[in-house]
Amino acid sequence: MPKYAVILEGRNFPVVTDKGVQLLGFYATRKVKAGDEQEAALTAMEMVRSDPELLAVVDRDKTTQPKLFVKNTEAISWWDDMKSSGYTFFPMKT
């Protein structure tokens, strides 16, 4: 089965920080095995949506509408060298 790296962008996530709840965006890369690029993208999105690490910091009481987008999906051959966790957060502009 082909292997893919999927780059995702999250926007408007209400994240609990040491400064209170802030609207943040993030980038994340996930590696997945899938039949094609579309399946890889859907699988990566579900991985992020259900990630306990992300869910633990998101304030679910907020009325914001977080969004998740696929920025890029690329077939890869260097599977073992790639990490598939973590997030790079950035502040949303108001």
N, C-alpha and C. Protein backbone atom coordinates (compact mmCIF):
# COMPACT_ATOMS: atom_id res chain seq x y z
N MET A 1 0.85 -1.19 0.00
CA MET A 1 0.00 0.00 0.00
C MET A 1 0.89 1.24 0.00
N PRO A 2 0.57 2.24 -0.82
CA PRO A 2 1.38 3.46 -0.88
C PRO A 2 1.41 4.21 0.47
N LYS A 3 2.49 4.95 0.65
CA LYS A 3 2.69 5.74 1.88
C LYS A 3 2.68 7.22 1.51
N TYR A 4 2.04 8.02 2.36
CA TYR A 4 1.87 9.44 2.07
C TYR A 4 2.22 10.29 3.29
N ALA A 5 2.70 11.49 3.01
CA ALA A 5 2.82 12.54 4.02
C ALA A 5 1.73 13.55 3.71
N VAL A 6 0.92 13.85 4.72
CA VAL A 6 -0.19 14.79 4.54
C VAL A 6 0.04 15.98 5.47
N ILE A 7 0.11 17.17 4.89
CA ILE A 7 0.26 18.39 5.67
C ILE A 7 -1.12 19.01 5.85
N LEU A 8 -1.46 19.26 7.12
CA LEU A 8 -2.77 19.80 7.47
C LEU A 8 -2.61 21.17 8.12
N GLU A 9 -3.61 22.01 7.93
CA GLU A 9 -3.67 23.31 8.62
C GLU A 9 -4.97 23.40 9.39
N GLY A 10 -4.86 23.71 10.66
CA GLY A 10 -6.03 23.97 11.49
C GLY A 10 -6.16 25.46 11.72
N ARG A 11 -7.40 25.96 11.77
CA ARG A 11 -7.64 27.39 12.00
C ARG A 11 -8.76 27.56 13.03
N ASN A 12 -8.63 28.61 13.83
CA ASN A 12 -9.66 28.99 14.81
C ASN A 12 -9.91 27.93 15.88
N PHE A 13 -8.86 27.30 16.37
CA PHE A 13 -9.01 26.34 17.45
C PHE A 13 -8.86 27.07 18.78
N PRO A 14 -9.87 27.01 19.65
CA PRO A 14 -9.78 27.66 20.97
C PRO A 14 -8.92 26.79 21.89
N VAL A 15 -7.68 27.20 22.08
CA VAL A 15 -6.72 26.40 22.84
C VAL A 15 -6.49 27.02 24.21
N VAL A 16 -6.52 26.18 25.23
CA VAL A 16 -6.26 26.62 26.60
C VAL A 16 -4.75 26.77 26.76
N THR A 17 -4.32 28.00 27.06
CA THR A 17 -2.89 28.28 27.26
C THR A 17 -2.70 28.86 28.65
N ASP A 18 -1.46 29.15 29.00
CA ASP A 18 -1.20 29.79 30.30
C ASP A 18 -1.73 31.22 30.35
N LYS A 19 -2.13 31.77 29.21
CA LYS A 19 -2.71 33.11 29.13
C LYS A 19 -4.23 33.07 28.93
N GLY A 20 -4.82 31.92 29.19
CA GLY A 20 -6.26 31.74 28.99
C GLY A 20 -6.53 31.07 27.66
N VAL A 21 -7.77 31.13 27.22
CA VAL A 21 -8.14 30.51 25.95
C VAL A 21 -7.79 31.47 24.82
N GLN A 22 -7.04 30.96 23.84
CA GLN A 22 -6.65 31.76 22.68
C GLN A 22 -7.06 31.03 21.41
N LEU A 23 -7.45 31.81 20.41
CA LEU A 23 -7.71 31.22 19.09
C LEU A 23 -6.39 31.03 18.39
N LEU A 24 -6.07 29.77 18.09
CA LEU A 24 -4.81 29.44 17.45
C LEU A 24 -5.04 28.63 16.19
N GLY A 25 -4.09 28.72 15.31
CA GLY A 25 -4.03 27.85 14.16
C GLY A 25 -2.85 26.91 14.35
N PHE A 26 -2.74 25.91 13.50
CA PHE A 26 -1.60 25.02 13.59
C PHE A 26 -1.34 24.34 12.25
N TYR A 27 -0.14 23.84 12.13
CA TYR A 27 0.24 22.95 11.04
C TYR A 27 0.61 21.62 11.65
N ALA A 28 0.29 20.55 10.95
CA ALA A 28 0.64 19.21 11.39
C ALA A 28 0.90 18.35 10.17
N THR A 29 1.85 17.46 10.27
CA THR A 29 2.12 16.50 9.19
C THR A 29 1.85 15.11 9.73
N ARG A 30 1.11 14.34 8.97
CA ARG A 30 0.82 12.96 9.36
C ARG A 30 1.23 12.03 8.23
N LYS A 31 1.80 10.90 8.62
CA LYS A 31 2.14 9.89 7.61
C LYS A 31 1.09 8.80 7.68
N VAL A 32 0.63 8.39 6.52
CA VAL A 32 -0.43 7.37 6.46
C VAL A 32 -0.18 6.42 5.29
N LYS A 33 -0.68 5.22 5.46
CA LYS A 33 -0.72 4.26 4.36
C LYS A 33 -2.14 4.28 3.83
N ALA A 34 -2.27 4.44 2.52
CA ALA A 34 -3.61 4.55 1.93
C ALA A 34 -3.55 4.12 0.47
N GLY A 35 -4.73 3.82 -0.07
CA GLY A 35 -4.83 3.40 -1.46
C GLY A 35 -4.56 4.51 -2.45
N ASP A 36 -4.89 5.77 -2.08
CA ASP A 36 -4.66 6.91 -2.97
C ASP A 36 -4.57 8.18 -2.13
N GLU A 37 -4.32 9.32 -2.80
CA GLU A 37 -4.14 10.59 -2.10
C GLU A 37 -5.39 11.01 -1.34
N GLN A 38 -6.56 10.79 -1.91
CA GLN A 38 -7.80 11.19 -1.25
C GLN A 38 -8.01 10.41 0.04
N GLU A 39 -7.79 9.12 -0.01
CA GLU A 39 -7.91 8.29 1.20
C GLU A 39 -6.87 8.71 2.24
N ALA A 40 -5.67 9.04 1.79
CA ALA A 40 -4.62 9.49 2.71
C ALA A 40 -5.04 10.78 3.41
N ALA A 41 -5.60 11.72 2.65
CA ALA A 41 -6.03 12.99 3.23
C ALA A 41 -7.14 12.78 4.26
N LEU A 42 -8.12 11.96 3.94
CA LEU A 42 -9.22 11.70 4.86
C LEU A 42 -8.73 11.01 6.13
N THR A 43 -7.82 10.07 5.97
CA THR A 43 -7.27 9.36 7.13
C THR A 43 -6.48 10.30 8.02
N ALA A 44 -5.66 11.16 7.43
CA ALA A 44 -4.87 12.12 8.21
C ALA A 44 -5.77 13.09 8.95
N MET A 45 -6.84 13.55 8.31
CA MET A 45 -7.77 14.47 8.98
C MET A 45 -8.42 13.79 10.18
N GLU A 46 -8.80 12.54 10.04
CA GLU A 46 -9.41 11.82 11.16
C GLU A 46 -8.39 11.60 12.28
N MET A 47 -7.14 11.37 11.93
CA MET A 47 -6.09 11.21 12.94
C MET A 47 -5.99 12.46 13.80
N VAL A 48 -6.02 13.63 13.17
CA VAL A 48 -5.90 14.89 13.90
C VAL A 48 -7.17 15.15 14.70
N ARG A 49 -8.32 14.97 14.09
CA ARG A 49 -9.60 15.23 14.78
C ARG A 49 -9.77 14.39 16.04
N SER A 50 -9.20 13.20 16.04
CA SER A 50 -9.37 12.30 17.19
C SER A 50 -8.13 12.20 18.07
N ASP A 51 -7.14 13.06 17.84
CA ASP A 51 -5.88 13.00 18.58
C ASP A 51 -6.07 13.46 20.02
N PRO A 52 -5.85 12.58 21.01
CA PRO A 52 -6.02 12.97 22.41
C PRO A 52 -5.13 14.14 22.82
N GLU A 53 -3.96 14.25 22.21
CA GLU A 53 -3.04 15.36 22.52
C GLU A 53 -3.68 16.70 22.16
N LEU A 54 -4.34 16.77 21.01
CA LEU A 54 -5.01 18.01 20.60
C LEU A 54 -6.30 18.22 21.39
N LEU A 55 -7.08 17.18 21.53
CA LEU A 55 -8.35 17.29 22.25
C LEU A 55 -8.15 17.74 23.69
N ALA A 56 -7.01 17.39 24.29
CA ALA A 56 -6.74 17.75 25.68
C ALA A 56 -6.55 19.25 25.87
N VAL A 57 -6.17 19.98 24.82
CA VAL A 57 -5.91 21.42 24.97
C VAL A 57 -6.98 22.30 24.35
N VAL A 58 -7.93 21.70 23.63
CA VAL A 58 -8.99 22.48 22.99
C VAL A 58 -10.13 22.72 23.97
N ASP A 59 -10.57 23.98 24.06
CA ASP A 59 -11.70 24.36 24.92
C ASP A 59 -12.99 24.10 24.15
N ARG A 60 -13.71 23.08 24.54
CA ARG A 60 -14.92 22.70 23.81
C ARG A 60 -16.13 23.57 24.15
N ASP A 61 -16.00 24.46 25.12
CA ASP A 61 -17.12 25.32 25.49
C ASP A 61 -17.22 26.56 24.61
N LYS A 62 -16.26 26.78 23.78
CA LYS A 62 -16.27 27.96 22.91
C LYS A 62 -17.22 27.75 21.74
N THR A 63 -17.72 28.85 21.20
CA THR A 63 -18.67 28.79 20.09
C THR A 63 -17.99 28.98 18.74
N THR A 64 -16.67 28.95 18.72
CA THR A 64 -15.95 29.12 17.45
C THR A 64 -16.15 27.90 16.56
N GLN A 65 -15.87 28.07 15.32
CA GLN A 65 -15.97 26.98 14.34
C GLN A 65 -14.57 26.62 13.85
N PRO A 66 -13.87 25.72 14.55
CA PRO A 66 -12.54 25.33 14.07
C PRO A 66 -12.64 24.69 12.69
N LYS A 67 -11.63 24.92 11.90
CA LYS A 67 -11.58 24.37 10.54
C LYS A 67 -10.28 23.59 10.37
N LEU A 68 -10.34 22.54 9.56
CA LEU A 68 -9.17 21.73 9.27
C LEU A 68 -9.08 21.55 7.76
N PHE A 69 -7.91 21.88 7.20
CA PHE A 69 -7.70 21.82 5.76
C PHE A 69 -6.51 20.95 5.43
N VAL A 70 -6.57 20.27 4.31
CA VAL A 70 -5.41 19.56 3.78
C VAL A 70 -4.65 20.55 2.90
N LYS A 71 -3.39 20.79 3.23
CA LYS A 71 -2.56 21.71 2.45
C LYS A 71 -1.79 20.99 1.35
N ASN A 72 -1.37 19.74 1.64
CA ASN A 72 -0.59 19.00 0.65
C ASN A 72 -0.61 17.51 1.00
N THR A 73 -0.65 16.69 -0.02
CA THR A 73 -0.54 15.25 0.14
C THR A 73 0.52 14.77 -0.84
N GLU A 74 1.51 14.08 -0.33
CA GLU A 74 2.65 13.68 -1.15
C GLU A 74 3.01 12.22 -0.90
N ALA A 75 3.18 11.45 -1.96
CA ALA A 75 3.67 10.08 -1.82
C ALA A 75 5.12 10.14 -1.34
N ILE A 76 5.48 9.27 -0.41
CA ILE A 76 6.83 9.29 0.15
C ILE A 76 7.43 7.89 0.14
N SER A 77 8.76 7.85 0.13
CA SER A 77 9.46 6.57 0.19
C SER A 77 10.30 6.47 1.46
N TRP A 78 10.50 7.57 2.17
CA TRP A 78 11.34 7.60 3.36
C TRP A 78 10.50 7.52 4.63
N TRP A 79 9.58 6.61 4.64
CA TRP A 79 8.59 6.41 5.69
C TRP A 79 9.18 6.30 7.09
N ASP A 80 10.17 5.45 7.27
CA ASP A 80 10.70 5.16 8.62
C ASP A 80 11.36 6.37 9.27
N ASP A 81 11.87 7.29 8.48
CA ASP A 81 12.58 8.45 9.03
C ASP A 81 11.65 9.58 9.46
N MET A 82 10.38 9.47 9.14
CA MET A 82 9.46 10.58 9.37
C MET A 82 8.67 10.41 10.65
N LYS A 83 8.62 11.47 11.43
CA LYS A 83 7.81 11.51 12.64
C LYS A 83 6.38 11.87 12.25
N SER A 84 5.41 11.36 13.00
CA SER A 84 4.01 11.61 12.64
C SER A 84 3.20 12.03 13.85
N SER A 85 3.66 13.06 14.53
CA SER A 85 2.91 13.57 15.67
C SER A 85 3.32 15.02 15.89
N GLY A 86 2.60 15.68 16.77
CA GLY A 86 2.93 17.05 17.12
C GLY A 86 2.24 18.10 16.26
N TYR A 87 2.33 19.33 16.75
CA TYR A 87 1.68 20.46 16.13
C TYR A 87 2.57 21.68 16.22
N THR A 88 2.50 22.54 15.22
CA THR A 88 3.16 23.84 15.25
C THR A 88 2.05 24.88 15.27
N PHE A 89 1.87 25.52 16.43
CA PHE A 89 0.77 26.48 16.63
C PHE A 89 1.19 27.88 16.24
N PHE A 90 0.21 28.68 15.83
CA PHE A 90 0.42 30.10 15.54
C PHE A 90 -0.86 30.86 15.92
N PRO A 91 -0.71 32.14 16.33
CA PRO A 91 -1.88 32.94 16.71
C PRO A 91 -2.70 33.32 15.48
N MET A 92 -4.00 33.30 15.63
CA MET A 92 -4.89 33.75 14.56
C MET A 92 -4.94 35.26 14.61
N LYS A 93 -4.95 35.88 13.44
CA LYS A 93 -5.06 37.35 13.37
C LYS A 93 -6.51 37.73 13.57
N THR A 94 -6.74 38.75 14.36
CA THR A 94 -8.12 39.19 14.61
C THR A 94 -8.45 40.44 13.84
